[in-house]
Amino acid sequence: MKLYALSVRRWWVMVPAVLALILTTWLIGASPVPVPSLLGGGGMAQIKHFVPVIASVAVMYCLDRRLLEAELTAVVPVRRLDRAAVSAAAVLLLAATPAVGLDVARNTLLILALALAVRRIANEATAVAAGLLYIIANVMLGQPPDPLGHRIGSWWALPLYPADSIPALVIVVVLFAGTLTWGLAPRARPR
């Protein structure tokens, strides 16, 4: 099964993905990008809001690569290996916190949680797209202007919370733990 995890699932892809996440955050993470706002005027978003998609793509790529017959007849439960690998990827992302900041690590776990939940009911490509669309919705709708024109954050826009927000971190960790269990549970077989 170790060979299966390395050659078929290719979990080693997570190391270059986390390095790409770190480099992107360092090099252009603070660069502003113009984004439209549906709540009045245009806005700017930092590229670091979109960086979590890199890790989400890598995890979904690894989960998509499988040999169904080998998994059905395996002695070792492959779902347990997947949970361990996704947990290791999360630990690797949290270990990168000093390099990328707590907000990027937190948002990456949030997008992974969303991707695991969507993957459970759809597929891996839809899961990645849902994470990206969630970020876009947060950037476009999550900071409505107040009467004076200043941008204020919405309570539901977790990716836009400040890096030192403990409630946002706790919510994301709980969501990730829940979707790690539910999102990687065996699917019902199609008839």
N, C-alpha and C. Protein backbone atom coordinates (compact mmCIF):
# COMPACT_ATOMS: atom_id res chain seq x y z
N MET A 1 0.82 -1.20 0.00
CA MET A 1 0.00 0.00 0.00
C MET A 1 0.86 1.25 0.00
N LYS A 2 2.06 1.14 0.54
CA LYS A 2 2.94 2.30 0.53
C LYS A 2 3.29 2.68 -0.90
N LEU A 3 3.56 1.67 -1.72
CA LEU A 3 3.85 1.91 -3.13
C LEU A 3 2.63 2.50 -3.84
N TYR A 4 1.45 2.02 -3.48
CA TYR A 4 0.21 2.54 -4.07
C TYR A 4 0.04 4.02 -3.74
N ALA A 5 0.29 4.38 -2.49
CA ALA A 5 0.13 5.78 -2.08
C ALA A 5 1.14 6.68 -2.78
N LEU A 6 2.33 6.16 -3.06
CA LEU A 6 3.35 6.98 -3.71
C LEU A 6 3.22 7.01 -5.23
N SER A 7 2.92 5.86 -5.83
CA SER A 7 2.93 5.81 -7.29
C SER A 7 1.56 6.10 -7.91
N VAL A 8 0.48 5.67 -7.28
CA VAL A 8 -0.84 5.90 -7.86
C VAL A 8 -1.43 7.19 -7.32
N ARG A 9 -1.54 7.31 -6.01
CA ARG A 9 -2.14 8.50 -5.42
C ARG A 9 -1.22 9.72 -5.50
N ARG A 10 0.07 9.49 -5.51
CA ARG A 10 1.08 10.55 -5.65
C ARG A 10 0.97 11.64 -4.58
N TRP A 11 0.92 11.23 -3.32
CA TRP A 11 0.83 12.20 -2.24
C TRP A 11 2.08 13.05 -2.11
N TRP A 12 3.17 12.65 -2.74
CA TRP A 12 4.40 13.45 -2.69
C TRP A 12 4.19 14.80 -3.39
N VAL A 13 3.13 14.94 -4.18
CA VAL A 13 2.84 16.20 -4.88
C VAL A 13 2.58 17.33 -3.89
N MET A 14 2.18 16.99 -2.67
CA MET A 14 1.87 18.03 -1.68
C MET A 14 3.09 18.87 -1.32
N VAL A 15 4.26 18.29 -1.30
CA VAL A 15 5.47 19.06 -0.95
C VAL A 15 5.72 20.17 -1.98
N PRO A 16 5.77 19.87 -3.30
CA PRO A 16 5.91 20.97 -4.25
C PRO A 16 4.74 21.95 -4.23
N ALA A 17 3.53 21.47 -3.93
CA ALA A 17 2.38 22.37 -3.87
C ALA A 17 2.52 23.36 -2.72
N VAL A 18 2.97 22.89 -1.56
CA VAL A 18 3.16 23.80 -0.42
C VAL A 18 4.31 24.75 -0.71
N LEU A 19 5.36 24.27 -1.37
CA LEU A 19 6.46 25.18 -1.75
C LEU A 19 5.97 26.24 -2.74
N ALA A 20 5.12 25.84 -3.69
CA ALA A 20 4.55 26.82 -4.63
C ALA A 20 3.67 27.82 -3.89
N LEU A 21 2.92 27.35 -2.91
CA LEU A 21 2.09 28.24 -2.10
C LEU A 21 2.95 29.25 -1.35
N ILE A 22 4.05 28.78 -0.77
CA ILE A 22 4.96 29.67 -0.03
C ILE A 22 5.59 30.69 -0.98
N LEU A 23 6.11 30.22 -2.11
CA LEU A 23 6.76 31.14 -3.06
C LEU A 23 5.78 32.16 -3.63
N THR A 24 4.59 31.72 -3.97
CA THR A 24 3.60 32.65 -4.50
C THR A 24 3.23 33.70 -3.46
N THR A 25 3.06 33.27 -2.23
CA THR A 25 2.72 34.22 -1.16
C THR A 25 3.85 35.21 -0.93
N TRP A 26 5.08 34.72 -0.91
CA TRP A 26 6.24 35.60 -0.70
C TRP A 26 6.40 36.60 -1.84
N LEU A 27 6.34 36.09 -3.08
CA LEU A 27 6.68 36.93 -4.23
C LEU A 27 5.57 37.91 -4.61
N ILE A 28 4.34 37.44 -4.68
CA ILE A 28 3.28 38.32 -5.17
C ILE A 28 2.04 38.30 -4.29
N GLY A 29 2.12 37.74 -3.10
CA GLY A 29 0.95 37.59 -2.24
C GLY A 29 0.27 38.89 -1.86
N ALA A 30 1.05 39.94 -1.66
CA ALA A 30 0.47 41.22 -1.24
C ALA A 30 0.06 42.09 -2.42
N SER A 31 0.31 41.63 -3.63
CA SER A 31 -0.05 42.42 -4.81
C SER A 31 -1.57 42.53 -4.94
N PRO A 32 -2.06 43.74 -5.14
CA PRO A 32 -3.51 43.89 -5.28
C PRO A 32 -3.98 43.56 -6.70
N VAL A 33 -5.16 43.00 -6.77
CA VAL A 33 -5.79 42.66 -8.04
C VAL A 33 -7.16 43.32 -8.05
N PRO A 34 -7.51 44.04 -9.12
CA PRO A 34 -8.84 44.63 -9.15
C PRO A 34 -9.92 43.56 -9.31
N VAL A 35 -10.94 43.66 -8.49
CA VAL A 35 -12.07 42.73 -8.58
C VAL A 35 -13.35 43.54 -8.57
N PRO A 36 -14.36 43.09 -9.29
CA PRO A 36 -15.63 43.80 -9.25
C PRO A 36 -16.33 43.57 -7.92
N SER A 37 -17.18 44.47 -7.57
CA SER A 37 -17.96 44.33 -6.35
C SER A 37 -19.42 44.47 -6.71
N LEU A 38 -20.22 43.56 -6.26
CA LEU A 38 -21.65 43.62 -6.55
C LEU A 38 -22.38 44.54 -5.58
N LEU A 39 -21.67 45.02 -4.56
CA LEU A 39 -22.31 45.84 -3.54
C LEU A 39 -21.91 47.30 -3.62
N GLY A 40 -21.38 47.71 -4.75
CA GLY A 40 -21.03 49.12 -4.91
C GLY A 40 -19.56 49.33 -5.16
N GLY A 41 -19.23 49.85 -6.33
CA GLY A 41 -17.85 50.18 -6.67
C GLY A 41 -17.00 48.95 -6.90
N GLY A 42 -15.81 49.19 -7.40
CA GLY A 42 -14.86 48.11 -7.58
C GLY A 42 -13.97 48.02 -6.37
N GLY A 43 -13.35 46.91 -6.20
CA GLY A 43 -12.49 46.73 -5.05
C GLY A 43 -11.17 46.13 -5.46
N MET A 44 -10.30 46.00 -4.50
CA MET A 44 -9.00 45.37 -4.71
C MET A 44 -8.90 44.19 -3.75
N ALA A 45 -8.32 43.12 -4.23
CA ALA A 45 -8.08 41.95 -3.39
C ALA A 45 -6.63 41.54 -3.56
N GLN A 46 -6.04 41.08 -2.49
CA GLN A 46 -4.66 40.61 -2.57
C GLN A 46 -4.65 39.21 -3.17
N ILE A 47 -3.58 38.92 -3.88
CA ILE A 47 -3.45 37.61 -4.51
C ILE A 47 -3.43 36.50 -3.46
N LYS A 48 -2.99 36.83 -2.24
CA LYS A 48 -2.92 35.80 -1.20
C LYS A 48 -4.29 35.19 -0.89
N HIS A 49 -5.37 35.87 -1.25
CA HIS A 49 -6.70 35.29 -1.04
C HIS A 49 -6.95 34.12 -1.98
N PHE A 50 -6.29 34.11 -3.14
CA PHE A 50 -6.50 33.06 -4.13
C PHE A 50 -5.46 31.94 -4.06
N VAL A 51 -4.41 32.13 -3.27
CA VAL A 51 -3.32 31.15 -3.17
C VAL A 51 -3.78 29.80 -2.62
N PRO A 52 -4.76 29.72 -1.70
CA PRO A 52 -5.18 28.40 -1.19
C PRO A 52 -5.64 27.42 -2.26
N VAL A 53 -6.00 27.92 -3.42
CA VAL A 53 -6.46 27.02 -4.48
C VAL A 53 -5.33 26.08 -4.91
N ILE A 54 -4.07 26.51 -4.78
CA ILE A 54 -2.93 25.67 -5.16
C ILE A 54 -2.95 24.36 -4.37
N ALA A 55 -3.11 24.45 -3.07
CA ALA A 55 -3.13 23.24 -2.24
C ALA A 55 -4.39 22.42 -2.49
N SER A 56 -5.50 23.09 -2.71
CA SER A 56 -6.75 22.38 -2.98
C SER A 56 -6.65 21.56 -4.26
N VAL A 57 -6.05 22.14 -5.29
CA VAL A 57 -5.86 21.41 -6.55
C VAL A 57 -4.97 20.19 -6.33
N ALA A 58 -3.91 20.35 -5.55
CA ALA A 58 -2.99 19.23 -5.31
C ALA A 58 -3.68 18.09 -4.56
N VAL A 59 -4.43 18.41 -3.52
CA VAL A 59 -5.11 17.37 -2.74
C VAL A 59 -6.17 16.67 -3.60
N MET A 60 -6.94 17.43 -4.34
CA MET A 60 -7.98 16.81 -5.19
C MET A 60 -7.36 15.98 -6.31
N TYR A 61 -6.20 16.40 -6.82
CA TYR A 61 -5.48 15.61 -7.83
C TYR A 61 -5.10 14.25 -7.24
N CYS A 62 -4.58 14.26 -6.03
CA CYS A 62 -4.17 13.00 -5.39
C CYS A 62 -5.37 12.11 -5.10
N LEU A 63 -6.46 12.69 -4.64
CA LEU A 63 -7.65 11.88 -4.34
C LEU A 63 -8.32 11.36 -5.60
N ASP A 64 -8.17 12.06 -6.72
CA ASP A 64 -8.78 11.63 -7.97
C ASP A 64 -8.05 10.45 -8.60
N ARG A 65 -6.78 10.33 -8.33
CA ARG A 65 -5.98 9.24 -8.91
C ARG A 65 -6.19 7.99 -8.08
N ARG A 66 -6.85 7.02 -8.66
CA ARG A 66 -7.08 5.79 -7.92
C ARG A 66 -7.35 4.64 -8.88
N LEU A 67 -7.11 3.47 -8.38
CA LEU A 67 -7.45 2.23 -9.08
C LEU A 67 -8.57 1.59 -8.27
N LEU A 68 -9.78 1.72 -8.73
CA LEU A 68 -10.95 1.32 -7.96
C LEU A 68 -10.90 -0.16 -7.58
N GLU A 69 -10.50 -1.01 -8.52
CA GLU A 69 -10.46 -2.45 -8.23
C GLU A 69 -9.44 -2.76 -7.15
N ALA A 70 -8.28 -2.10 -7.21
CA ALA A 70 -7.26 -2.33 -6.19
C ALA A 70 -7.73 -1.84 -4.82
N GLU A 71 -8.46 -0.75 -4.79
CA GLU A 71 -8.94 -0.23 -3.52
C GLU A 71 -10.03 -1.11 -2.93
N LEU A 72 -10.88 -1.67 -3.78
CA LEU A 72 -11.96 -2.52 -3.28
C LEU A 72 -11.44 -3.84 -2.72
N THR A 73 -10.32 -4.32 -3.23
CA THR A 73 -9.78 -5.60 -2.77
C THR A 73 -8.61 -5.43 -1.81
N ALA A 74 -8.27 -4.23 -1.46
CA ALA A 74 -7.11 -4.00 -0.59
C ALA A 74 -7.38 -4.48 0.83
N VAL A 75 -6.33 -4.99 1.45
CA VAL A 75 -6.43 -5.42 2.84
C VAL A 75 -6.43 -4.21 3.76
N VAL A 76 -5.60 -3.23 3.43
CA VAL A 76 -5.51 -2.00 4.20
C VAL A 76 -6.60 -1.05 3.72
N PRO A 77 -7.39 -0.47 4.61
CA PRO A 77 -8.42 0.48 4.17
C PRO A 77 -7.79 1.73 3.57
N VAL A 78 -8.07 1.96 2.30
CA VAL A 78 -7.47 3.08 1.59
C VAL A 78 -8.00 4.41 2.13
N ARG A 79 -9.24 4.43 2.59
CA ARG A 79 -9.80 5.67 3.16
C ARG A 79 -9.00 6.11 4.38
N ARG A 80 -8.53 5.17 5.16
CA ARG A 80 -7.71 5.51 6.32
C ARG A 80 -6.39 6.13 5.87
N LEU A 81 -5.81 5.59 4.80
CA LEU A 81 -4.59 6.18 4.26
C LEU A 81 -4.86 7.58 3.70
N ASP A 82 -6.01 7.75 3.06
CA ASP A 82 -6.36 9.07 2.54
C ASP A 82 -6.54 10.08 3.66
N ARG A 83 -7.22 9.67 4.74
CA ARG A 83 -7.38 10.58 5.88
C ARG A 83 -6.03 10.96 6.46
N ALA A 84 -5.15 9.97 6.58
CA ALA A 84 -3.81 10.26 7.11
C ALA A 84 -3.04 11.19 6.18
N ALA A 85 -3.17 10.98 4.88
CA ALA A 85 -2.44 11.82 3.92
C ALA A 85 -3.00 13.25 3.90
N VAL A 86 -4.32 13.40 3.94
CA VAL A 86 -4.90 14.74 3.97
C VAL A 86 -4.55 15.43 5.29
N SER A 87 -4.55 14.68 6.38
CA SER A 87 -4.14 15.25 7.67
C SER A 87 -2.68 15.68 7.63
N ALA A 88 -1.83 14.86 7.02
CA ALA A 88 -0.41 15.23 6.89
C ALA A 88 -0.26 16.47 6.02
N ALA A 89 -1.07 16.58 4.98
CA ALA A 89 -1.03 17.78 4.14
C ALA A 89 -1.44 19.01 4.95
N ALA A 90 -2.45 18.86 5.81
CA ALA A 90 -2.87 19.97 6.66
C ALA A 90 -1.77 20.36 7.65
N VAL A 91 -1.10 19.37 8.21
CA VAL A 91 0.01 19.66 9.13
C VAL A 91 1.13 20.37 8.37
N LEU A 92 1.40 19.93 7.16
CA LEU A 92 2.43 20.58 6.33
C LEU A 92 2.05 22.04 6.04
N LEU A 93 0.78 22.27 5.77
CA LEU A 93 0.32 23.65 5.54
C LEU A 93 0.43 24.50 6.81
N LEU A 94 0.07 23.92 7.94
CA LEU A 94 0.19 24.66 9.20
C LEU A 94 1.65 24.89 9.57
N ALA A 95 2.53 23.98 9.17
CA ALA A 95 3.96 24.18 9.40
C ALA A 95 4.49 25.33 8.56
N ALA A 96 3.83 25.63 7.46
CA ALA A 96 4.24 26.74 6.61
C ALA A 96 3.70 28.08 7.11
N THR A 97 2.96 28.08 8.22
CA THR A 97 2.37 29.31 8.75
C THR A 97 3.39 30.42 8.98
N PRO A 98 4.57 30.14 9.57
CA PRO A 98 5.53 31.24 9.74
C PRO A 98 5.96 31.88 8.41
N ALA A 99 5.91 31.11 7.34
CA ALA A 99 6.34 31.64 6.04
C ALA A 99 5.22 32.37 5.31
N VAL A 100 3.99 31.91 5.45
CA VAL A 100 2.90 32.49 4.67
C VAL A 100 1.92 33.31 5.50
N GLY A 101 1.93 33.13 6.78
CA GLY A 101 0.99 33.84 7.65
C GLY A 101 -0.18 32.94 8.03
N LEU A 102 -0.74 33.20 9.18
CA LEU A 102 -1.83 32.37 9.68
C LEU A 102 -3.08 32.49 8.82
N ASP A 103 -3.29 33.65 8.22
CA ASP A 103 -4.49 33.82 7.39
C ASP A 103 -4.45 32.94 6.15
N VAL A 104 -3.31 32.82 5.51
CA VAL A 104 -3.21 31.97 4.31
C VAL A 104 -3.35 30.50 4.69
N ALA A 105 -2.71 30.08 5.78
CA ALA A 105 -2.83 28.69 6.23
C ALA A 105 -4.28 28.38 6.63
N ARG A 106 -4.91 29.30 7.36
CA ARG A 106 -6.31 29.11 7.78
C ARG A 106 -7.22 29.03 6.56
N ASN A 107 -7.03 29.93 5.61
CA ASN A 107 -7.88 29.93 4.41
C ASN A 107 -7.66 28.69 3.56
N THR A 108 -6.44 28.18 3.55
CA THR A 108 -6.17 26.95 2.80
C THR A 108 -6.92 25.78 3.43
N LEU A 109 -6.91 25.69 4.76
CA LEU A 109 -7.67 24.63 5.43
C LEU A 109 -9.17 24.79 5.17
N LEU A 110 -9.65 26.02 5.13
CA LEU A 110 -11.06 26.27 4.86
C LEU A 110 -11.44 25.82 3.45
N ILE A 111 -10.62 26.15 2.48
CA ILE A 111 -10.89 25.76 1.09
C ILE A 111 -10.79 24.24 0.94
N LEU A 112 -9.84 23.62 1.66
CA LEU A 112 -9.75 22.15 1.64
C LEU A 112 -11.00 21.52 2.25
N ALA A 113 -11.48 22.09 3.34
CA ALA A 113 -12.70 21.57 3.97
C ALA A 113 -13.88 21.66 3.01
N LEU A 114 -14.01 22.80 2.36
CA LEU A 114 -15.08 22.97 1.38
C LEU A 114 -14.92 21.98 0.22
N ALA A 115 -13.69 21.81 -0.25
CA ALA A 115 -13.44 20.90 -1.37
C ALA A 115 -13.76 19.46 -0.98
N LEU A 116 -13.41 19.05 0.23
CA LEU A 116 -13.72 17.68 0.67
C LEU A 116 -15.23 17.47 0.76
N ALA A 117 -15.95 18.48 1.23
CA ALA A 117 -17.41 18.36 1.33
C ALA A 117 -18.05 18.28 -0.05
N VAL A 118 -17.61 19.12 -0.97
CA VAL A 118 -18.17 19.11 -2.33
C VAL A 118 -17.78 17.83 -3.05
N ARG A 119 -16.57 17.35 -2.83
CA ARG A 119 -16.13 16.11 -3.46
C ARG A 119 -17.01 14.94 -3.04
N ARG A 120 -17.49 14.97 -1.83
CA ARG A 120 -18.34 13.90 -1.31
C ARG A 120 -19.64 13.78 -2.11
N ILE A 121 -20.17 14.91 -2.56
CA ILE A 121 -21.44 14.87 -3.29
C ILE A 121 -21.27 15.05 -4.80
N ALA A 122 -20.09 15.45 -5.24
CA ALA A 122 -19.87 15.65 -6.68
C ALA A 122 -18.59 14.92 -7.10
N ASN A 123 -17.60 15.66 -7.59
CA ASN A 123 -16.32 15.07 -7.96
C ASN A 123 -15.20 16.07 -7.65
N GLU A 124 -13.97 15.67 -7.97
CA GLU A 124 -12.81 16.47 -7.60
C GLU A 124 -12.75 17.81 -8.34
N ALA A 125 -13.08 17.80 -9.63
CA ALA A 125 -13.03 19.05 -10.40
C ALA A 125 -14.05 20.06 -9.87
N THR A 126 -15.23 19.58 -9.55
CA THR A 126 -16.25 20.45 -8.97
C THR A 126 -15.81 20.97 -7.61
N ALA A 127 -15.11 20.14 -6.86
CA ALA A 127 -14.63 20.55 -5.54
C ALA A 127 -13.64 21.71 -5.63
N VAL A 128 -12.72 21.64 -6.58
CA VAL A 128 -11.75 22.73 -6.76
C VAL A 128 -12.47 23.99 -7.22
N ALA A 129 -13.40 23.84 -8.16
CA ALA A 129 -14.15 25.00 -8.65
C ALA A 129 -14.97 25.64 -7.53
N ALA A 130 -15.55 24.83 -6.65
CA ALA A 130 -16.33 25.38 -5.54
C ALA A 130 -15.46 26.21 -4.61
N GLY A 131 -14.24 25.74 -4.35
CA GLY A 131 -13.33 26.51 -3.51
C GLY A 131 -12.99 27.85 -4.13
N LEU A 132 -12.70 27.84 -5.41
CA LEU A 132 -12.38 29.09 -6.10
C LEU A 132 -13.58 30.04 -6.14
N LEU A 133 -14.75 29.50 -6.41
CA LEU A 133 -15.95 30.33 -6.43
C LEU A 133 -16.27 30.90 -5.05
N TYR A 134 -15.98 30.14 -4.00
CA TYR A 134 -16.20 30.63 -2.64
C TYR A 134 -15.28 31.82 -2.36
N ILE A 135 -14.04 31.73 -2.79
CA ILE A 135 -13.12 32.85 -2.59
C ILE A 135 -13.58 34.07 -3.38
N ILE A 136 -13.98 33.85 -4.63
CA ILE A 136 -14.45 34.97 -5.46
C ILE A 136 -15.69 35.61 -4.83
N ALA A 137 -16.61 34.80 -4.33
CA ALA A 137 -17.81 35.35 -3.68
C ALA A 137 -17.44 36.16 -2.44
N ASN A 138 -16.46 35.68 -1.68
CA ASN A 138 -16.02 36.42 -0.49
C ASN A 138 -15.41 37.75 -0.87
N VAL A 139 -14.58 37.74 -1.90
CA VAL A 139 -13.92 38.99 -2.30
C VAL A 139 -14.93 39.98 -2.88
N MET A 140 -15.92 39.46 -3.64
CA MET A 140 -16.89 40.36 -4.28
C MET A 140 -17.98 40.83 -3.33
N LEU A 141 -18.41 39.96 -2.42
CA LEU A 141 -19.56 40.28 -1.57
C LEU A 141 -19.23 40.44 -0.09
N GLY A 142 -18.05 40.03 0.31
CA GLY A 142 -17.72 39.96 1.74
C GLY A 142 -17.31 41.26 2.39
N GLN A 143 -17.13 42.32 1.63
CA GLN A 143 -16.74 43.61 2.20
C GLN A 143 -17.63 44.72 1.65
N PRO A 144 -18.88 44.77 2.09
CA PRO A 144 -19.74 45.85 1.59
C PRO A 144 -19.31 47.19 2.17
N PRO A 145 -19.53 48.25 1.42
CA PRO A 145 -19.17 49.57 1.95
C PRO A 145 -20.20 50.05 2.97
N ASP A 146 -19.73 50.74 4.00
CA ASP A 146 -20.64 51.35 4.96
C ASP A 146 -21.11 52.70 4.40
N PRO A 147 -21.97 53.44 5.09
CA PRO A 147 -22.46 54.71 4.55
C PRO A 147 -21.36 55.72 4.23
N LEU A 148 -20.21 55.60 4.90
CA LEU A 148 -19.11 56.53 4.63
C LEU A 148 -18.19 56.06 3.50
N GLY A 149 -18.46 54.87 2.96
CA GLY A 149 -17.65 54.36 1.86
C GLY A 149 -16.52 53.45 2.29
N HIS A 150 -16.34 53.24 3.59
CA HIS A 150 -15.29 52.34 4.07
C HIS A 150 -15.76 50.89 3.94
N ARG A 151 -14.84 50.02 3.66
CA ARG A 151 -15.18 48.60 3.52
C ARG A 151 -15.21 47.94 4.90
N ILE A 152 -16.30 47.25 5.19
CA ILE A 152 -16.42 46.52 6.44
C ILE A 152 -16.60 45.05 6.11
N GLY A 153 -16.04 44.18 6.92
CA GLY A 153 -16.11 42.75 6.66
C GLY A 153 -17.43 42.15 7.12
N SER A 154 -17.94 41.22 6.35
CA SER A 154 -19.16 40.49 6.72
C SER A 154 -18.79 39.34 7.64
N TRP A 155 -19.71 38.96 8.49
CA TRP A 155 -19.44 37.91 9.47
C TRP A 155 -19.19 36.55 8.80
N TRP A 156 -19.79 36.31 7.64
CA TRP A 156 -19.68 35.02 6.98
C TRP A 156 -18.45 34.90 6.09
N ALA A 157 -17.74 35.97 5.85
CA ALA A 157 -16.59 35.97 4.93
C ALA A 157 -15.31 35.58 5.69
N LEU A 158 -15.20 34.31 6.06
CA LEU A 158 -14.05 33.84 6.85
C LEU A 158 -12.69 34.11 6.21
N PRO A 159 -12.53 33.97 4.88
CA PRO A 159 -11.21 34.25 4.31
C PRO A 159 -10.76 35.69 4.46
N LEU A 160 -11.68 36.60 4.71
CA LEU A 160 -11.31 38.01 4.83
C LEU A 160 -11.05 38.43 6.27
N TYR A 161 -11.20 37.52 7.22
CA TYR A 161 -10.92 37.84 8.62
C TYR A 161 -9.44 38.14 8.78
N PRO A 162 -9.08 38.95 9.77
CA PRO A 162 -7.66 39.24 10.01
C PRO A 162 -6.89 37.96 10.38
N ALA A 163 -5.60 38.01 10.18
CA ALA A 163 -4.76 36.83 10.43
C ALA A 163 -4.80 36.39 11.88
N ASP A 164 -4.99 37.31 12.81
CA ASP A 164 -4.96 36.95 14.23
C ASP A 164 -6.33 36.63 14.81
N SER A 165 -7.32 36.37 13.97
CA SER A 165 -8.67 36.07 14.44
C SER A 165 -8.76 34.63 14.94
N ILE A 166 -8.85 34.48 16.25
CA ILE A 166 -8.95 33.16 16.86
C ILE A 166 -10.31 32.51 16.56
N PRO A 167 -11.44 33.24 16.64
CA PRO A 167 -12.72 32.59 16.30
C PRO A 167 -12.74 32.01 14.88
N ALA A 168 -12.17 32.73 13.92
CA ALA A 168 -12.13 32.22 12.55
C ALA A 168 -11.29 30.95 12.47
N LEU A 169 -10.17 30.93 13.18
CA LEU A 169 -9.31 29.74 13.18
C LEU A 169 -10.03 28.54 13.80
N VAL A 170 -10.73 28.76 14.90
CA VAL A 170 -11.45 27.66 15.56
C VAL A 170 -12.55 27.13 14.65
N ILE A 171 -13.29 28.01 14.01
CA ILE A 171 -14.35 27.59 13.09
C ILE A 171 -13.77 26.76 11.95
N VAL A 172 -12.66 27.21 11.39
CA VAL A 172 -12.04 26.50 10.27
C VAL A 172 -11.53 25.13 10.70
N VAL A 173 -10.90 25.05 11.87
CA VAL A 173 -10.39 23.76 12.35
C VAL A 173 -11.54 22.78 12.58
N VAL A 174 -12.64 23.25 13.16
CA VAL A 174 -13.80 22.38 13.38
C VAL A 174 -14.39 21.93 12.04
N LEU A 175 -14.52 22.85 11.09
CA LEU A 175 -15.03 22.49 9.76
C LEU A 175 -14.12 21.48 9.07
N PHE A 176 -12.81 21.69 9.16
CA PHE A 176 -11.88 20.78 8.52
C PHE A 176 -11.95 19.40 9.15
N ALA A 177 -12.00 19.34 10.48
CA ALA A 177 -12.08 18.04 11.15
C ALA A 177 -13.36 17.30 10.77
N GLY A 178 -14.47 18.03 10.69
CA GLY A 178 -15.72 17.40 10.31
C GLY A 178 -15.73 16.90 8.88
N THR A 179 -15.23 17.70 7.97
CA THR A 179 -15.22 17.26 6.57
C THR A 179 -14.14 16.22 6.31
N LEU A 180 -13.12 16.18 7.13
CA LEU A 180 -12.12 15.12 6.98
C LEU A 180 -12.76 13.77 7.25
N THR A 181 -13.65 13.73 8.23
CA THR A 181 -14.35 12.48 8.55
C THR A 181 -15.45 12.20 7.54
N TRP A 182 -16.30 13.19 7.29
CA TRP A 182 -17.45 12.98 6.41
C TRP A 182 -17.06 12.97 4.94
N GLY A 183 -16.16 13.85 4.54
CA GLY A 183 -15.82 13.99 3.13
C GLY A 183 -15.05 12.83 2.55
N LEU A 184 -14.36 12.07 3.40
CA LEU A 184 -13.60 10.93 2.90
C LEU A 184 -14.26 9.60 3.25
N ALA A 185 -15.50 9.64 3.70
CA ALA A 185 -16.23 8.40 3.96
C ALA A 185 -16.55 7.72 2.63
N PRO A 186 -16.71 6.40 2.65
CA PRO A 186 -17.02 5.71 1.39
C PRO A 186 -18.33 6.22 0.79
N ARG A 187 -18.32 6.40 -0.51
CA ARG A 187 -19.52 6.84 -1.22
C ARG A 187 -20.42 5.65 -1.48
N ALA A 188 -21.69 5.93 -1.64
CA ALA A 188 -22.61 4.88 -2.05
C ALA A 188 -22.28 4.49 -3.49
N ARG A 189 -22.32 3.21 -3.77
CA ARG A 189 -22.00 2.76 -5.13
C ARG A 189 -23.16 3.07 -6.06
N PRO A 190 -22.85 3.63 -7.25
CA PRO A 190 -23.92 3.88 -8.22
C PRO A 190 -24.47 2.57 -8.77
N ARG A 191 -25.75 2.54 -9.03
CA ARG A 191 -26.36 1.30 -9.55
C ARG A 191 -26.38 1.30 -11.04
